[in-house]
Amino acid sequence: MAWPDPRAAMSRTQVGTTAQTDVAYDAGLRSFMLKVYNYMASGVLLTGIVAMLFASSGMAADIMLGGGPLKWVIILSPLAIVFAMSFGQNKFSTSTLQAMFWGFATLMGLSMSTIFLVYTGVSIAQTFFATAAAFLGLSLYGYTTKKDLSGWGSFLIMGVIGILVAMVINIFLQSTMMHLVISAIGVLIFAALTAYDTQRIKSMYAYVAGTDMVGKVVIMSALNLYLDFINMFQFLLTFMGSQE
C-alpha cells in the first residue's frame, strides 16, 4: 500500500494557512485605510462647513480681516494642536486625539473662512473638486505602486520648510511673482506628499495591526492626509480662484 508523503500534506497545509493569513491581512489593511480616509474626508467636510458658515455670518469679515488678537488665536491655534498631537500622540488616549482632530478641523474652518470673502463660490467649488480628483489619483498611486517612495521623505520635508521660509519672507516683500512661484511649488510638493504619505501609512499597518496603537495611528494618518489635501487646495486656489 502506498502511503501519502507527509511532507506534501504539510506543504499543502502551510500554503492554505499562508493564504488565509494573507486574506485576513488584506481585509484588515482595507478596513484600516478606509477608517483613515473616512476620518480625513470628515475632517475636510467639517472644515468646509465651518468656513462657509463663519463667512456667511459676517463674523469672518469682522474678526479675520481685522487686527485684533482673536484673529491670531484662530490662525495659530491649529498649528499648536498639530504640534501637540505630533509630539504627544504616545501620551494622549485615542479619544483625546479624536477630540483634538475635530477641534483642529473646526479651527481650520474658522481660519480658512477668508477664502469665501476673497474668491467666488464657483471657483472655490471648482478648485475643491480638482483637488479631490488629484488627491484620489495620487493616493491611489501611492497605495498601489510597487516603487519604494521612502526616499522622497527628506526631500519633501526640506521642500515644505523651504516653502514656509519663502512665505514668511514674502510677507515683507509682497511680491506677486514670488507668491505664484511659491504656490506652484507648493502644489507639486503636496501632490508628491499625498502619494508618499499614502504608501507610508499603508506600510505602517504591518507594525500596528492587532495592537492598541491602531486607533491612534488611524487619527494621525488622517491628519497627515488632511494636511496634504488642504495645502494642495489652498495653493491650487491661487491659480484657479476667481476673486469677488
Protein backbone atom coordinates (compact mmCIF):
# COMPACT_ATOMS: atom_id res chain seq x y z
CA MET A 1 0.00 0.00 0.00
CA ALA A 2 1.38 3.43 -0.95
CA TRP A 3 1.28 5.99 1.86
CA PRO A 4 0.96 9.70 1.03
CA ASP A 5 4.09 11.77 1.50
CA PRO A 6 3.66 13.66 4.83
CA ARG A 7 5.85 16.48 3.52
CA ALA A 8 3.37 17.08 0.72
CA ALA A 9 0.49 17.25 3.19
CA MET A 10 2.47 19.64 5.39
CA SER A 11 3.24 21.79 2.37
CA ARG A 12 -0.44 21.99 1.41
CA THR A 13 -1.35 22.90 5.00
CA GLN A 14 1.25 25.66 5.11
CA VAL A 15 0.09 27.05 1.79
CA GLY A 16 -3.51 27.07 2.99
CA THR A 17 -2.58 28.74 6.26
CA THR A 18 -0.48 31.35 4.47
CA ALA A 19 -3.30 32.09 2.04
CA GLN A 20 -5.76 32.54 4.92
CA THR A 21 -3.30 34.82 6.71
CA ASP A 22 -2.83 36.91 3.57
CA VAL A 23 -6.59 37.25 3.10
CA ALA A 24 -7.06 38.30 6.74
CA TYR A 25 -4.19 40.81 6.46
CA ASP A 26 -5.58 42.33 3.26
CA ALA A 27 -9.04 42.65 4.84
CA GLY A 28 -7.54 44.28 7.91
CA LEU A 29 -5.50 46.66 5.75
CA ARG A 30 -8.55 47.70 3.72
CA SER A 31 -10.51 48.34 6.91
CA PHE A 32 -7.60 50.34 8.34
CA MET A 33 -7.22 52.52 5.22
CA LEU A 34 -10.98 53.03 4.98
CA LYS A 35 -11.04 54.39 8.53
CA VAL A 36 -8.16 56.74 7.70
CA TYR A 37 -9.93 58.07 4.61
CA ASN A 38 -13.24 58.41 6.48
CA TYR A 39 -11.62 60.49 9.21
CA MET A 40 -9.74 62.59 6.69
CA ALA A 41 -12.80 63.21 4.49
CA SER A 42 -14.98 64.01 7.53
CA GLY A 43 -12.36 66.50 8.73
CA VAL A 44 -12.24 68.23 5.35
CA LEU A 45 -16.05 68.35 5.23
CA LEU A 46 -16.24 69.82 8.74
CA THR A 47 -13.65 72.46 7.83
CA GLY A 48 -15.57 73.46 4.71
CA ILE A 49 -18.92 73.74 6.52
CA VAL A 50 -17.44 75.79 9.36
CA ALA A 51 -15.62 78.09 6.92
CA MET A 52 -18.75 78.69 4.86
CA LEU A 53 -20.98 79.34 7.88
CA PHE A 54 -18.44 81.60 9.58
CA ALA A 55 -18.01 83.64 6.40
CA SER A 56 -21.75 83.94 5.71
CA SER A 57 -22.43 85.05 9.29
CA GLY A 58 -20.34 88.18 8.80
CA MET A 59 -18.11 87.31 11.75
CA ALA A 60 -15.23 86.28 9.50
CA ALA A 61 -15.10 89.75 7.97
CA ASP A 62 -15.16 91.38 11.39
CA ILE A 63 -12.59 89.12 13.04
CA MET A 64 -10.32 87.74 10.32
CA LEU A 65 -9.99 90.97 8.35
CA GLY A 66 -9.38 92.99 11.47
CA GLY A 67 -6.22 93.21 13.51
CA GLY A 68 -7.50 92.01 16.87
CA PRO A 69 -5.87 89.28 18.99
CA LEU A 70 -8.73 86.83 18.31
CA LYS A 71 -7.67 86.67 14.67
CA TRP A 72 -4.21 85.43 15.64
CA VAL A 73 -5.63 82.97 18.15
CA ILE A 74 -7.71 81.43 15.36
CA ILE A 75 -4.78 81.38 12.92
CA LEU A 76 -2.19 79.95 15.31
CA SER A 77 -4.37 77.50 17.27
CA PRO A 78 -4.45 74.82 14.53
CA LEU A 79 -0.66 74.87 14.35
CA ALA A 80 -0.45 74.46 18.13
CA ILE A 81 -2.82 71.48 18.01
CA VAL A 82 -0.80 69.80 15.23
CA PHE A 83 2.39 70.11 17.28
CA ALA A 84 0.63 68.84 20.40
CA MET A 85 -0.78 65.82 18.55
CA SER A 86 2.52 65.04 16.84
CA PHE A 87 4.70 65.20 19.94
CA GLY A 88 2.14 63.89 22.43
CA GLN A 89 0.46 61.10 20.50
CA ASN A 90 2.04 58.43 22.71
CA LYS A 91 0.79 60.16 25.87
CA PHE A 92 -2.72 61.03 24.71
CA SER A 93 -5.53 58.48 24.62
CA THR A 94 -7.26 57.66 21.35
CA SER A 95 -10.38 59.58 22.42
CA THR A 96 -8.26 62.65 23.26
CA LEU A 97 -6.60 62.54 19.84
CA GLN A 98 -10.04 62.26 18.24
CA ALA A 99 -11.26 65.35 20.09
CA MET A 100 -8.11 67.23 19.12
CA PHE A 101 -8.56 66.23 15.48
CA TRP A 102 -12.14 67.53 15.36
CA GLY A 103 -11.09 70.69 17.20
CA PHE A 104 -8.29 71.20 14.71
CA ALA A 105 -10.64 70.75 11.73
CA THR A 106 -13.08 73.27 13.26
CA LEU A 107 -10.39 75.88 13.89
CA MET A 108 -9.07 75.37 10.37
CA GLY A 109 -12.56 76.14 9.12
CA LEU A 110 -12.57 79.43 11.04
CA SER A 111 -9.10 80.25 9.72
CA MET A 112 -9.94 79.39 6.10
CA SER A 113 -13.23 81.32 6.12
CA THR A 114 -11.48 84.26 4.45
CA ILE A 115 -11.34 82.42 1.13
CA PHE A 116 -15.12 82.92 0.87
CA LEU A 117 -14.53 86.66 1.27
CA VAL A 118 -11.87 86.75 -1.46
CA TYR A 119 -12.90 84.17 -4.08
CA THR A 120 -16.20 83.34 -5.74
CA GLY A 121 -18.10 80.29 -4.54
CA VAL A 122 -17.99 78.74 -8.02
CA SER A 123 -14.20 78.97 -8.27
CA ILE A 124 -13.81 77.56 -4.75
CA ALA A 125 -16.02 74.60 -5.67
CA GLN A 126 -14.13 74.02 -8.92
CA THR A 127 -10.79 74.10 -7.10
CA PHE A 128 -12.11 71.74 -4.43
CA PHE A 129 -13.24 69.13 -6.95
CA ALA A 130 -9.99 69.48 -8.92
CA THR A 131 -8.04 68.94 -5.70
CA ALA A 132 -10.23 65.97 -4.76
CA ALA A 133 -9.66 64.34 -8.16
CA ALA A 134 -5.90 64.91 -7.95
CA PHE A 135 -5.79 63.64 -4.36
CA LEU A 136 -7.67 60.44 -5.26
CA GLY A 137 -5.36 59.72 -8.18
CA LEU A 138 -2.17 60.43 -6.24
CA SER A 139 -3.31 58.48 -3.19
CA LEU A 140 -4.29 55.52 -5.39
CA TYR A 141 -0.83 55.64 -6.96
CA GLY A 142 0.82 55.67 -3.55
CA TYR A 143 -1.30 52.72 -2.44
CA THR A 144 -0.79 50.52 -5.50
CA THR A 145 2.71 51.33 -6.76
CA LYS A 146 5.48 48.80 -6.22
CA LYS A 147 8.06 51.60 -6.30
CA ASP A 148 9.56 52.49 -2.93
CA LEU A 149 8.75 56.16 -2.27
CA SER A 150 10.50 56.35 1.11
CA GLY A 151 13.44 58.14 -0.49
CA TRP A 152 11.17 61.12 -1.18
CA GLY A 153 10.67 61.85 2.50
CA SER A 154 13.68 64.00 3.37
CA PHE A 155 13.47 65.90 0.08
CA LEU A 156 9.78 66.71 0.57
CA ILE A 157 10.25 67.79 4.20
CA MET A 158 13.03 70.13 3.08
CA GLY A 159 10.66 71.45 0.41
CA VAL A 160 7.93 72.18 2.97
CA ILE A 161 10.41 74.02 5.19
CA GLY A 162 11.64 75.98 2.18
CA ILE A 163 8.08 76.99 1.29
CA LEU A 164 7.39 78.17 4.86
CA VAL A 165 10.57 80.28 4.87
CA ALA A 166 9.72 81.75 1.46
CA MET A 167 6.17 82.57 2.61
CA VAL A 168 7.50 84.40 5.68
CA ILE A 169 9.93 86.38 3.51
CA ASN A 170 7.16 87.27 1.07
CA ILE A 171 5.07 88.72 3.90
CA PHE A 172 7.55 91.59 3.86
CA LEU A 173 8.29 91.64 0.11
CA GLN A 174 4.64 91.35 -1.02
CA SER A 175 5.83 90.04 -4.41
CA THR A 176 3.07 88.71 -6.66
CA MET A 177 5.55 86.74 -8.75
CA MET A 178 7.10 85.13 -5.68
CA HIS A 179 3.63 84.25 -4.43
CA LEU A 180 2.86 82.47 -7.72
CA VAL A 181 6.17 80.58 -7.66
CA ILE A 182 5.57 79.50 -4.05
CA SER A 183 2.06 78.31 -4.94
CA ALA A 184 3.28 76.33 -7.96
CA ILE A 185 6.00 74.61 -5.95
CA GLY A 186 3.53 74.05 -3.10
CA VAL A 187 1.09 72.21 -5.38
CA LEU A 188 3.87 69.91 -6.60
CA ILE A 189 5.27 69.21 -3.13
CA PHE A 190 1.93 68.39 -1.51
CA ALA A 191 0.91 66.32 -4.53
CA ALA A 192 4.05 64.24 -4.03
CA LEU A 193 3.43 64.13 -0.27
CA THR A 194 -0.03 62.66 -0.91
CA ALA A 195 1.46 59.65 -2.70
CA TYR A 196 4.35 59.37 -0.22
CA ASP A 197 2.15 59.57 2.88
CA THR A 198 -0.32 57.04 1.48
CA GLN A 199 2.40 54.46 0.93
CA ARG A 200 3.91 55.20 4.35
CA ILE A 201 0.53 54.83 6.07
CA LYS A 202 -0.10 51.56 4.23
CA SER A 203 3.24 50.18 5.38
CA MET A 204 2.62 51.25 8.99
CA TYR A 205 -0.32 48.86 9.26
CA ALA A 206 2.07 45.90 9.39
CA TYR A 207 3.56 47.27 12.62
CA VAL A 208 0.34 48.23 14.44
CA ALA A 209 -2.09 45.52 13.27
CA GLY A 210 -3.70 43.86 16.28
CA THR A 211 -2.27 46.34 18.78
CA ASP A 212 -3.76 49.17 20.84
CA MET A 213 -1.95 51.67 18.63
CA VAL A 214 -4.25 51.17 15.63
CA GLY A 215 -6.76 53.82 16.71
CA LYS A 216 -4.05 56.43 17.29
CA VAL A 217 -2.32 55.66 14.00
CA VAL A 218 -5.63 56.00 12.13
CA ILE A 219 -6.17 59.50 13.52
CA MET A 220 -2.58 60.67 12.95
CA SER A 221 -2.62 59.23 9.43
CA ALA A 222 -5.89 61.03 8.69
CA LEU A 223 -4.29 64.25 9.97
CA ASN A 224 -1.36 63.84 7.56
CA LEU A 225 -3.60 63.26 4.55
CA TYR A 226 -5.88 66.11 5.64
CA LEU A 227 -2.90 68.49 5.67
CA ASP A 228 -1.81 67.27 2.22
CA PHE A 229 -5.29 67.88 0.82
CA ILE A 230 -5.86 71.28 2.43
CA ASN A 231 -2.44 72.65 1.48
CA MET A 232 -2.75 71.42 -2.10
CA PHE A 233 -6.22 73.02 -2.26
CA GLN A 234 -5.02 76.39 -0.95
CA PHE A 235 -2.02 76.56 -3.29
CA LEU A 236 -4.14 75.49 -6.26
CA LEU A 237 -6.72 78.15 -5.40
CA THR A 238 -4.11 80.77 -6.28
CA PHE A 239 -4.36 79.69 -9.92
CA MET A 240 -7.99 78.57 -10.18
CA GLY A 241 -9.69 81.04 -7.84
CA SER A 242 -11.63 83.98 -9.27
CA GLN A 243 -11.76 86.95 -6.94
CA GLU A 244 -15.00 88.60 -5.92
